[in-house]
Protein backbone atom coordinates (compact mmCIF):
# COMPACT_ATOMS: atom_id res chain seq x y z
CA MET A 1 96.09 62.55 -44.17
CA ALA A 2 93.88 65.06 -42.40
CA GLN A 3 90.14 64.63 -42.94
CA ARG A 4 87.28 67.03 -42.28
CA LYS A 5 83.54 66.47 -42.50
CA ASN A 6 81.55 68.83 -44.67
CA GLY A 7 77.96 69.81 -44.24
CA ARG A 8 76.68 66.83 -46.22
CA GLY A 9 78.39 64.29 -44.00
CA HIS A 10 81.10 63.39 -46.53
CA ARG A 11 84.77 63.57 -45.76
CA ASN A 12 87.09 65.90 -47.60
CA HIS A 13 90.69 64.80 -48.04
CA ARG A 14 93.30 67.53 -47.68
CA THR A 15 96.92 66.96 -48.53
CA ALA A 16 99.81 68.97 -47.16
CA VAL A 17 103.20 69.07 -48.86
CA ALA A 18 106.25 69.68 -46.66
CA LEU A 19 109.87 69.95 -47.67
CA PRO A 20 112.06 67.25 -46.12
CA GLY A 21 113.95 68.51 -43.11
CA SER A 22 112.02 71.79 -43.13
CA SER A 23 109.65 73.15 -40.52
CA SER A 24 109.44 76.57 -42.14
CA PRO A 25 105.89 77.99 -41.75
CA THR A 26 106.36 79.92 -45.00
CA ALA A 27 107.28 76.79 -46.93
CA SER A 28 104.41 74.85 -45.39
CA ARG A 29 101.89 77.58 -46.25
CA ALA A 30 103.24 77.91 -49.79
CA LEU A 31 103.03 74.22 -50.52
CA HIS A 32 99.74 73.80 -48.64
CA SER A 33 98.16 76.10 -51.23
CA VAL A 34 98.52 73.35 -53.85
CA ALA A 35 96.80 70.79 -51.62
CA PRO A 36 93.05 71.01 -52.23
CA ALA A 37 90.12 69.29 -50.60
CA VAL A 38 88.37 66.75 -52.82
CA ASP A 39 85.57 64.24 -52.51
CA ALA A 40 87.56 61.36 -53.97
CA HIS A 41 88.40 57.91 -52.68
CA PRO A 42 91.02 56.44 -55.00
CA VAL A 43 91.28 52.67 -54.80
CA VAL A 44 94.24 50.51 -55.74
CA ALA A 45 94.21 46.76 -56.04
CA GLU A 46 97.37 46.36 -53.95
CA SER A 47 96.48 48.32 -50.79
CA SER A 48 99.97 47.86 -49.32
CA VAL A 49 101.36 50.05 -52.10
CA TRP A 50 100.12 53.14 -50.19
CA GLY A 51 102.65 52.66 -47.42
CA ARG A 52 105.64 51.74 -49.58
CA ARG A 53 105.56 54.18 -52.46
CA ARG A 54 106.93 57.70 -52.61
CA VAL A 55 106.41 60.04 -55.54
CA LEU A 56 108.79 62.83 -56.52
CA LEU A 57 107.03 66.20 -56.61
CA LEU A 58 108.47 68.79 -59.01
CA ASN A 59 107.73 72.49 -59.09
CA SER A 60 106.24 73.80 -62.35
CA THR A 61 109.84 74.66 -63.30
CA TYR A 62 110.85 70.99 -62.83
CA GLU A 63 112.79 71.81 -59.65
CA PRO A 64 112.48 68.90 -57.19
CA LEU A 65 110.54 69.80 -54.06
CA THR A 66 109.91 66.70 -51.98
CA ALA A 67 108.99 63.02 -51.97
CA LEU A 68 105.27 62.61 -51.35
CA PRO A 69 103.38 59.61 -50.00
CA LEU A 70 101.53 58.00 -52.89
CA ARG A 71 98.07 58.87 -51.54
CA ARG A 72 98.86 62.59 -51.44
CA ALA A 73 100.29 62.49 -54.95
CA VAL A 74 97.20 60.74 -56.33
CA ILE A 75 94.82 63.25 -54.77
CA MET A 76 96.81 66.13 -56.27
CA LEU A 77 96.51 64.50 -59.69
CA MET A 78 92.82 63.81 -59.41
CA CYS A 79 91.98 67.37 -58.38
CA GLY A 80 94.03 68.86 -61.23
CA LYS A 81 96.80 70.46 -59.19
CA ALA A 82 99.57 68.33 -60.73
CA ASP A 83 100.30 66.27 -63.83
CA VAL A 84 102.08 62.95 -64.26
CA VAL A 85 105.62 63.27 -65.62
CA HIS A 86 106.53 59.59 -65.24
CA ASP A 87 104.50 56.58 -64.15
CA ASP A 88 105.38 53.00 -63.32
CA PRO A 89 104.65 50.99 -66.49
CA VAL A 90 104.41 47.76 -64.51
CA GLY A 91 102.76 49.24 -61.42
CA PRO A 92 99.15 48.81 -60.29
CA VAL A 93 96.34 51.00 -61.62
CA ILE A 94 94.49 53.35 -59.27
CA HIS A 95 90.76 53.88 -59.79
CA SER A 96 88.39 56.63 -58.68
CA ALA A 97 84.76 57.19 -59.63
CA THR A 98 85.77 58.99 -62.83
CA ARG A 99 89.40 58.17 -63.60
CA SER A 100 91.96 55.41 -63.73
CA ILE A 101 95.68 56.18 -63.56
CA ARG A 102 98.79 54.08 -63.28
CA VAL A 103 100.87 54.58 -60.13
CA PRO A 104 103.00 57.72 -60.70
CA THR A 105 106.70 57.99 -59.92
CA VAL A 106 107.17 61.71 -60.75
CA ILE A 107 104.52 64.45 -60.80
CA ARG A 108 104.74 68.19 -61.55
CA LEU A 109 102.77 71.11 -60.16
CA ARG A 110 100.71 73.07 -62.66
CA THR A 111 101.44 76.35 -60.85
CA PHE A 112 104.74 77.63 -59.45
CA VAL A 113 105.31 77.49 -55.68
CA ARG A 114 107.96 79.78 -54.21
CA VAL A 115 110.09 78.02 -51.60
CA PRO A 116 112.17 80.05 -49.11
CA TYR A 117 115.91 79.82 -49.78
CA ARG A 118 118.00 78.22 -47.06
CA ALA A 119 121.74 78.19 -47.66
CA ARG A 120 122.99 75.33 -45.50
CA ILE A 121 121.93 71.80 -46.40
CA PRO A 122 121.44 69.61 -43.31
CA MET A 123 124.05 66.88 -43.15
CA THR A 124 122.54 63.42 -42.89
CA ARG A 125 124.03 60.00 -43.52
CA ALA A 126 121.87 59.58 -46.63
CA ALA A 127 122.97 62.92 -48.13
CA LEU A 128 126.64 62.31 -47.35
CA MET A 129 126.52 58.90 -49.02
CA HIS A 130 124.94 60.46 -52.10
CA ARG A 131 127.57 63.23 -52.13
CA ASP A 132 130.40 60.68 -52.06
CA ARG A 133 128.55 58.37 -54.47
CA PHE A 134 128.59 55.54 -51.93
CA ARG A 135 132.36 55.17 -52.41
CA CYS A 136 135.04 55.10 -49.72
CA ALA A 137 136.93 58.40 -49.64
CA TYR A 138 140.17 56.51 -48.88
CA CYS A 139 140.26 53.41 -51.10
CA GLY A 140 137.36 53.92 -53.51
CA SER A 141 135.53 50.69 -52.65
CA LYS A 142 131.86 50.55 -51.67
CA ALA A 143 131.18 52.64 -48.57
CA ASP A 144 129.00 51.50 -45.70
CA THR A 145 130.05 53.84 -42.86
CA VAL A 146 130.72 57.52 -42.17
CA ASP A 147 134.14 58.63 -40.96
CA HIS A 148 135.44 61.87 -39.44
CA VAL A 149 138.62 62.87 -41.30
CA ILE A 150 139.92 64.55 -38.16
CA PRO A 151 138.61 62.23 -35.43
CA ARG A 152 136.19 63.78 -32.97
CA SER A 153 138.45 62.57 -30.16
CA ARG A 154 141.07 64.94 -31.57
CA GLY A 155 138.83 67.94 -32.04
CA GLY A 156 137.25 67.14 -35.40
CA ALA A 157 133.79 68.56 -36.09
CA HIS A 158 130.71 66.74 -37.34
CA THR A 159 130.44 68.81 -40.52
CA TRP A 160 130.29 68.36 -44.28
CA GLU A 161 133.94 69.42 -44.49
CA ASN A 162 135.13 66.80 -41.97
CA CYS A 163 132.92 63.80 -42.78
CA VAL A 164 133.32 61.31 -45.61
CA ALA A 165 131.85 58.00 -46.68
CA ALA A 166 134.15 55.08 -45.88
CA CYS A 167 134.26 51.32 -46.04
CA SER A 168 134.34 49.41 -42.76
CA ALA A 169 137.92 48.20 -43.35
CA CYS A 170 139.35 51.71 -43.85
CA ASN A 171 137.30 53.10 -40.99
CA HIS A 172 138.64 50.41 -38.68
CA ARG A 173 142.26 50.86 -39.81
CA LYS A 174 142.10 54.62 -39.49
CA ALA A 175 140.53 54.58 -36.03
CA ASP A 176 141.48 57.83 -34.25
CA LYS A 177 144.56 58.61 -36.35
CA LEU A 178 145.17 61.57 -38.64
CA LEU A 179 145.68 61.03 -42.36
CA SER A 180 149.22 62.39 -42.08
CA GLU A 181 150.04 59.71 -39.52
CA LEU A 182 148.90 56.99 -41.92
CA GLY A 183 150.25 58.49 -45.12
CA TRP A 184 146.74 58.51 -46.54
CA SER A 185 145.04 61.15 -48.70
CA LEU A 186 141.48 61.88 -49.74
CA HIS A 187 140.35 61.30 -53.33
CA THR A 188 138.37 64.56 -53.24
CA THR A 189 137.98 67.49 -50.86
CA PRO A 190 134.80 67.11 -48.79
CA LEU A 191 132.55 70.16 -49.26
CA PRO A 192 128.91 71.01 -48.48
CA PRO A 193 126.66 70.22 -51.47
CA LYS A 194 124.68 73.02 -53.10
CA GLY A 195 121.23 73.00 -54.62
CA GLN A 196 117.65 72.59 -53.44
CA HIS A 197 117.56 68.95 -54.53
CA TRP A 198 120.05 68.08 -51.78
CA ARG A 199 117.34 68.64 -49.20
CA LEU A 200 115.50 65.78 -50.80
CA LEU A 201 118.61 63.61 -51.01
CA SER A 202 119.23 64.21 -47.30
CA SER A 203 115.97 62.46 -46.46
CA VAL A 204 115.75 59.65 -49.03
CA LYS A 205 117.98 56.58 -48.94
CA GLU A 206 116.74 54.75 -52.02
CA LEU A 207 115.88 56.64 -55.18
CA ASP A 208 113.50 55.60 -57.90
CA PRO A 209 115.51 55.47 -61.16
CA ALA A 210 113.00 57.86 -62.75
CA TRP A 211 113.98 60.55 -60.21
CA VAL A 212 117.68 60.68 -61.00
CA ARG A 213 117.51 63.05 -63.98
CA TYR A 214 115.85 65.70 -61.76
CA LEU A 215 118.21 65.42 -58.79
CA GLY A 216 121.52 66.49 -60.32
CA GLU A 217 124.90 64.83 -60.11
CA GLY A 218 124.54 63.90 -56.44
CA ALA A 219 121.91 61.31 -57.28
CA ALA A 220 123.95 59.53 -59.94
């Protein structure tokens, strides 16, 4: 978190919200506008919670934007730029000089932030596993690897259309063979996912259960 001294010798805390996988200056400027400077030092009994927790940030329209570090989320709440949508009923309570709030899991901006549209979702292992619901594309059992349908050794590309989640056993049996050579078939046709929430899914491996309703079918 960037800090800057003001004329009175105090430190102002400024948060910056960035979309996962995005270095777009426009997006950074747009989301930075909701990140104010405040003279607040929230305190939580379990200090280690700051490093572990992530909070889902929603636009004012409930569109998922990114997963924030807890400290940034708390500062946005305390300066009135966001509201709590869901909190952790068994989580620790955070205290400032004037407020006490339970650790949030989902927060929502009070004002709308326009995010530049980018058509292609970056393919990551996390996003591919979410797309295929952590199930092997060949046998349907729990997936723990990524496989190229057309092996790269035979000209296959590392793309959404040629990559699927697979279990270790099927991946090992398939090796560098084509499906036609094995008599195998895919349960579904691998396609690029669509929707802004997939940018978030491409960067987050484990989802808080409270997030799922805002992240579409890919998070289920």
